[in-house]
Amino acid sequence: MAQISNPRKQFQFTINITPGTIDPFLAQKVTIPDFEIEIAEHGDVNYLVKTGGIHKFGNVTIEKITSATNTVTDNIWEWTKMVQDVLVGGGLLPIMYKRFIQVDQFDPSGVVVLASWAMYGAWPTKINGVEFDRKSSENTIESIELAVDQVYKIK
């Protein structure tokens, strides 16, 4: 009978964005994007042959606590202005706003990295609004979606 001695815990992770924009302690949840290889079908006499096609990557989703103080290292809104700014009618070149993201998952000690994902060409595509409620004492959470060009599991 198989026995799991130490299951991996979901809360032991860090997110690094180069150059840094999110305080790792504010991130409450991160979703690694789905990965898919399209199926390309080709005809051969009387049946179809399936081969690998284009790689498709989903979006990274980060849910973070909205900090009480607005720091430069935590300002996702400035990053979105680099992509498209409605006030100036355009954005910067992709090489100037695309970033590298690495997500590391740790063992129970919080020191040894068990798994790592590297995501290249990340940029903010959506910021979900914050919900305010006078009857709630929960932290305000901001949800950010980042488009990525490539995702690799590196460990």
C-alpha atoms as a PDB file:
ATOM      1  CA  MET A   1       0.000   0.000   0.000  1.00  0.00           C
ATOM      2  CA  ALA A   2       1.311   3.463  -0.955  1.00  0.00           C
ATOM      3  CA  GLN A   3       1.698   5.936   1.861  1.00  0.00           C
ATOM      4  CA  ILE A   4       2.309   9.676   1.596  1.00  0.00           C
ATOM      5  CA  SER A   5       4.670  10.716   4.356  1.00  0.00           C
ATOM      6  CA  ASN A   6       4.793  14.494   3.848  1.00  0.00           C
ATOM      7  CA  PRO A   7       2.228  15.973   1.473  1.00  0.00           C
ATOM      8  CA  ARG A   8       3.039  19.320  -0.103  1.00  0.00           C
ATOM      9  CA  LYS A   9       1.294  22.273   1.517  1.00  0.00           C
ATOM     10  CA  GLN A  10      -0.272  24.956  -0.650  1.00  0.00           C
ATOM     11  CA  PHE A  11       0.762  27.920   1.478  1.00  0.00           C
ATOM     12  CA  GLN A  12       4.536  27.458   1.210  1.00  0.00           C
ATOM     13  CA  PHE A  13       5.480  29.468  -1.875  1.00  0.00           C
ATOM     14  CA  THR A  14       7.087  32.683  -3.044  1.00  0.00           C
ATOM     15  CA  ILE A  15       6.586  34.754  -6.183  1.00  0.00           C
ATOM     16  CA  ASN A  16       9.494  36.684  -7.677  1.00  0.00           C
ATOM     17  CA  ILE A  17       8.915  39.124 -10.516  1.00  0.00           C
ATOM     18  CA  THR A  18      11.990  40.607 -12.163  1.00  0.00           C
ATOM     19  CA  PRO A  19      12.211  43.518 -11.729  1.00  0.00           C
ATOM     20  CA  GLY A  20      10.241  43.136  -8.479  1.00  0.00           C
ATOM     21  CA  THR A  21       6.720  44.530  -8.209  1.00  0.00           C
ATOM     22  CA  ILE A  22       4.925  42.429  -5.573  1.00  0.00           C
ATOM     23  CA  ASP A  23       5.916  42.092  -1.956  1.00  0.00           C
ATOM     24  CA  PRO A  24       5.995  38.277  -1.567  1.00  0.00           C
ATOM     25  CA  PHE A  25       4.214  38.484   1.806  1.00  0.00           C
ATOM     26  CA  LEU A  26       1.203  40.231   0.266  1.00  0.00           C
ATOM     27  CA  ALA A  27       0.557  37.436  -2.256  1.00  0.00           C
ATOM     28  CA  GLN A  28      -2.121  35.133  -0.856  1.00  0.00           C
ATOM     29  CA  LYS A  29      -2.689  32.887  -3.845  1.00  0.00           C
ATOM     30  CA  VAL A  30      -1.077  32.185  -7.201  1.00  0.00           C
ATOM     31  CA  THR A  31      -2.395  30.008 -10.004  1.00  0.00           C
ATOM     32  CA  ILE A  32       0.167  28.536 -12.379  1.00  0.00           C
ATOM     33  CA  PRO A  33      -1.155  28.754 -15.952  1.00  0.00           C
ATOM     34  CA  ASP A  34      -2.556  25.770 -17.823  1.00  0.00           C
ATOM     35  CA  PHE A  35      -0.392  24.374 -20.589  1.00  0.00           C
ATOM     36  CA  GLU A  36      -1.790  22.868 -23.751  1.00  0.00           C
ATOM     37  CA  ILE A  37      -0.439  21.593 -27.047  1.00  0.00           C
ATOM     38  CA  GLU A  38      -2.953  21.921 -29.830  1.00  0.00           C
ATOM     39  CA  ILE A  39      -3.683  18.827 -31.886  1.00  0.00           C
ATOM     40  CA  ALA A  40      -2.933  19.219 -35.564  1.00  0.00           C
ATOM     41  CA  GLU A  41      -4.828  16.673 -37.681  1.00  0.00           C
ATOM     42  CA  HIS A  42      -3.600  15.555 -41.075  1.00  0.00           C
ATOM     43  CA  GLY A  43      -5.399  13.299 -43.530  1.00  0.00           C
ATOM     44  CA  ASP A  44      -3.812  10.046 -44.636  1.00  0.00           C
ATOM     45  CA  VAL A  45      -5.850   7.861 -47.033  1.00  0.00           C
ATOM     46  CA  ASN A  46      -8.886   6.970 -44.871  1.00  0.00           C
ATOM     47  CA  TYR A  47      -7.911   8.118 -41.335  1.00  0.00           C
ATOM     48  CA  LEU A  48      -6.566  11.164 -39.511  1.00  0.00           C
ATOM     49  CA  VAL A  49      -3.059  11.373 -38.099  1.00  0.00           C
ATOM     50  CA  LYS A  50      -2.684  13.559 -35.023  1.00  0.00           C
ATOM     51  CA  THR A  51       0.522  15.479 -34.372  1.00  0.00           C
ATOM     52  CA  GLY A  52       1.580  18.178 -31.948  1.00  0.00           C
ATOM     53  CA  GLY A  53       0.742  21.750 -32.896  1.00  0.00           C
ATOM     54  CA  ILE A  54       1.099  25.147 -31.257  1.00  0.00           C
ATOM     55  CA  HIS A  55       1.803  25.523 -27.527  1.00  0.00           C
ATOM     56  CA  LYS A  56      -0.794  27.514 -25.613  1.00  0.00           C
ATOM     57  CA  PHE A  57      -0.359  28.933 -22.140  1.00  0.00           C
ATOM     58  CA  GLY A  58      -3.088  30.283 -19.878  1.00  0.00           C
ATOM     59  CA  ASN A  59      -2.732  33.313 -17.628  1.00  0.00           C
ATOM     60  CA  VAL A  60      -1.074  33.564 -14.224  1.00  0.00           C
ATOM     61  CA  THR A  61      -3.482  34.740 -11.530  1.00  0.00           C
ATOM     62  CA  ILE A  62      -2.165  36.360  -8.364  1.00  0.00           C
ATOM     63  CA  GLU A  63      -4.445  37.317  -5.493  1.00  0.00           C
ATOM     64  CA  LYS A  64      -2.838  39.743  -3.116  1.00  0.00           C
ATOM     65  CA  ILE A  65      -3.729  41.762  -0.069  1.00  0.00           C
ATOM     66  CA  THR A  66      -4.023  45.444  -0.903  1.00  0.00           C
ATOM     67  CA  SER A  67      -1.362  47.073   1.257  1.00  0.00           C
ATOM     68  CA  ALA A  68      -2.244  49.902   3.615  1.00  0.00           C
ATOM     69  CA  THR A  69       0.718  51.922   2.327  1.00  0.00           C
ATOM     70  CA  ASN A  70       1.308  52.485  -1.362  1.00  0.00           C
ATOM     71  CA  THR A  71       4.897  51.507  -2.086  1.00  0.00           C
ATOM     72  CA  VAL A  72       6.705  51.659  -5.425  1.00  0.00           C
ATOM     73  CA  THR A  73       7.538  47.955  -5.227  1.00  0.00           C
ATOM     74  CA  ASP A  74       3.847  47.077  -4.891  1.00  0.00           C
ATOM     75  CA  ASN A  75       2.298  49.227  -7.622  1.00  0.00           C
ATOM     76  CA  ILE A  76       0.755  46.993 -10.284  1.00  0.00           C
ATOM     77  CA  TRP A  77      -1.216  49.948 -11.662  1.00  0.00           C
ATOM     78  CA  GLU A  78       2.000  51.651 -12.831  1.00  0.00           C
ATOM     79  CA  TRP A  79       2.959  48.434 -14.623  1.00  0.00           C
ATOM     80  CA  THR A  80      -0.372  48.393 -16.479  1.00  0.00           C
ATOM     81  CA  LYS A  81       0.246  51.967 -17.661  1.00  0.00           C
ATOM     82  CA  MET A  82       3.453  50.744 -19.285  1.00  0.00           C
ATOM     83  CA  VAL A  83       1.399  48.272 -21.354  1.00  0.00           C
ATOM     84  CA  GLN A  84      -1.389  50.704 -22.337  1.00  0.00           C
ATOM     85  CA  ASP A  85      -2.038  54.157 -20.931  1.00  0.00           C
ATOM     86  CA  VAL A  86      -5.397  55.675 -21.893  1.00  0.00           C
ATOM     87  CA  LEU A  87      -4.193  59.190 -21.031  1.00  0.00           C
ATOM     88  CA  VAL A  88      -1.361  59.157 -23.575  1.00  0.00           C
ATOM     89  CA  GLY A  89      -3.064  56.840 -26.067  1.00  0.00           C
ATOM     90  CA  GLY A  90      -0.527  54.007 -26.194  1.00  0.00           C
ATOM     91  CA  GLY A  91       2.063  51.989 -24.354  1.00  0.00           C
ATOM     92  CA  LEU A  92       5.726  51.112 -24.325  1.00  0.00           C
ATOM     93  CA  LEU A  93       7.401  48.492 -26.474  1.00  0.00           C
ATOM     94  CA  PRO A  94       6.839  44.904 -25.245  1.00  0.00           C
ATOM     95  CA  ILE A  95      10.526  44.496 -24.383  1.00  0.00           C
ATOM     96  CA  MET A  96      10.079  47.340 -21.863  1.00  0.00           C
ATOM     97  CA  TYR A  97       7.024  45.967 -20.002  1.00  0.00           C
ATOM     98  CA  LYS A  98       7.347  42.173 -20.233  1.00  0.00           C
ATOM     99  CA  ARG A  99       8.809  40.588 -17.105  1.00  0.00           C
ATOM    100  CA  PHE A 100      10.084  37.283 -15.749  1.00  0.00           C
ATOM    101  CA  ILE A 101       8.202  35.468 -12.977  1.00  0.00           C
ATOM    102  CA  GLN A 102       9.420  32.572 -10.854  1.00  0.00           C
ATOM    103  CA  VAL A 103       7.200  30.717  -8.404  1.00  0.00           C
ATOM    104  CA  ASP A 104       8.920  28.437  -5.889  1.00  0.00           C
ATOM    105  CA  GLN A 105       7.194  25.886  -3.684  1.00  0.00           C
ATOM    106  CA  PHE A 106       8.983  24.969  -0.444  1.00  0.00           C
ATOM    107  CA  ASP A 107       9.159  21.889   1.763  1.00  0.00           C
ATOM    108  CA  PRO A 108       7.724  21.959   5.324  1.00  0.00           C
ATOM    109  CA  SER A 109      10.917  23.613   6.642  1.00  0.00           C
ATOM    110  CA  GLY A 110      10.380  26.572   4.301  1.00  0.00           C
ATOM    111  CA  VAL A 111      14.003  26.366   3.131  1.00  0.00           C
ATOM    112  CA  VAL A 112      14.296  23.639   0.481  1.00  0.00           C
ATOM    113  CA  VAL A 113      12.638  24.338  -2.881  1.00  0.00           C
ATOM    114  CA  LEU A 114      10.538  21.356  -4.005  1.00  0.00           C
ATOM    115  CA  ALA A 115       9.267  22.746  -7.308  1.00  0.00           C
ATOM    116  CA  SER A 116       9.811  25.863  -9.412  1.00  0.00           C
ATOM    117  CA  TRP A 117       8.025  27.365 -12.396  1.00  0.00           C
ATOM    118  CA  ALA A 118       9.579  29.975 -14.679  1.00  0.00           C
ATOM    119  CA  MET A 119       7.307  32.222 -16.739  1.00  0.00           C
ATOM    120  CA  TYR A 120       8.672  34.469 -19.451  1.00  0.00           C
ATOM    121  CA  GLY A 121       7.104  37.487 -21.113  1.00  0.00           C
ATOM    122  CA  ALA A 122       4.620  38.295 -18.323  1.00  0.00           C
ATOM    123  CA  TRP A 123       2.515  41.441 -18.401  1.00  0.00           C
ATOM    124  CA  PRO A 124      -0.696  42.534 -16.655  1.00  0.00           C
ATOM    125  CA  THR A 125      -3.814  41.912 -18.686  1.00  0.00           C
ATOM    126  CA  LYS A 126      -6.510  42.291 -16.027  1.00  0.00           C
ATOM    127  CA  ILE A 127      -6.928  43.693 -12.526  1.00  0.00           C
ATOM    128  CA  ASN A 128     -10.122  42.618 -10.822  1.00  0.00           C
ATOM    129  CA  GLY A 129     -11.728  45.264  -8.671  1.00  0.00           C
ATOM    130  CA  VAL A 130     -11.599  45.284  -4.902  1.00  0.00           C
ATOM    131  CA  GLU A 131     -14.864  44.708  -3.053  1.00  0.00           C
ATOM    132  CA  PHE A 132     -15.654  46.965  -0.095  1.00  0.00           C
ATOM    133  CA  ASP A 133     -18.116  45.981   2.643  1.00  0.00           C
ATOM    134  CA  ARG A 134     -18.831  47.893   5.864  1.00  0.00           C
ATOM    135  CA  LYS A 135     -19.892  44.690   7.629  1.00  0.00           C
ATOM    136  CA  SER A 136     -16.711  42.776   6.872  1.00  0.00           C
ATOM    137  CA  SER A 137     -13.334  42.757   8.614  1.00  0.00           C
ATOM    138  CA  GLU A 138     -11.519  40.732   5.938  1.00  0.00           C
ATOM    139  CA  ASN A 139      -8.470  42.041   4.119  1.00  0.00           C
ATOM    140  CA  THR A 140      -9.055  43.672   0.750  1.00  0.00           C
ATOM    141  CA  ILE A 141      -7.837  41.356  -1.979  1.00  0.00           C
ATOM    142  CA  GLU A 142      -6.820  42.422  -5.455  1.00  0.00           C
ATOM    143  CA  SER A 143      -6.736  39.810  -8.222  1.00  0.00           C
ATOM    144  CA  ILE A 144      -4.242  40.304 -11.036  1.00  0.00           C
ATOM    145  CA  GLU A 145      -4.079  38.307 -14.258  1.00  0.00           C
ATOM    146  CA  LEU A 146      -0.811  38.223 -16.154  1.00  0.00           C
ATOM    147  CA  ALA A 147      -0.450  36.993 -19.722  1.00  0.00           C
ATOM    148  CA  VAL A 148       2.691  34.920 -20.307  1.00  0.00           C
ATOM    149  CA  ASP A 149       4.577  33.866 -23.421  1.00  0.00           C
ATOM    150  CA  GLN A 150       6.182  30.705 -22.015  1.00  0.00           C
ATOM    151  CA  VAL A 151       5.964  28.560 -18.872  1.00  0.00           C
ATOM    152  CA  TYR A 152       8.498  25.939 -17.806  1.00  0.00           C
ATOM    153  CA  LYS A 153       8.613  23.719 -14.750  1.00  0.00           C
ATOM    154  CA  ILE A 154      12.288  23.988 -13.900  1.00  0.00           C
ATOM    155  CA  LYS A 155      12.385  21.787 -10.808  1.00  0.00           C
END
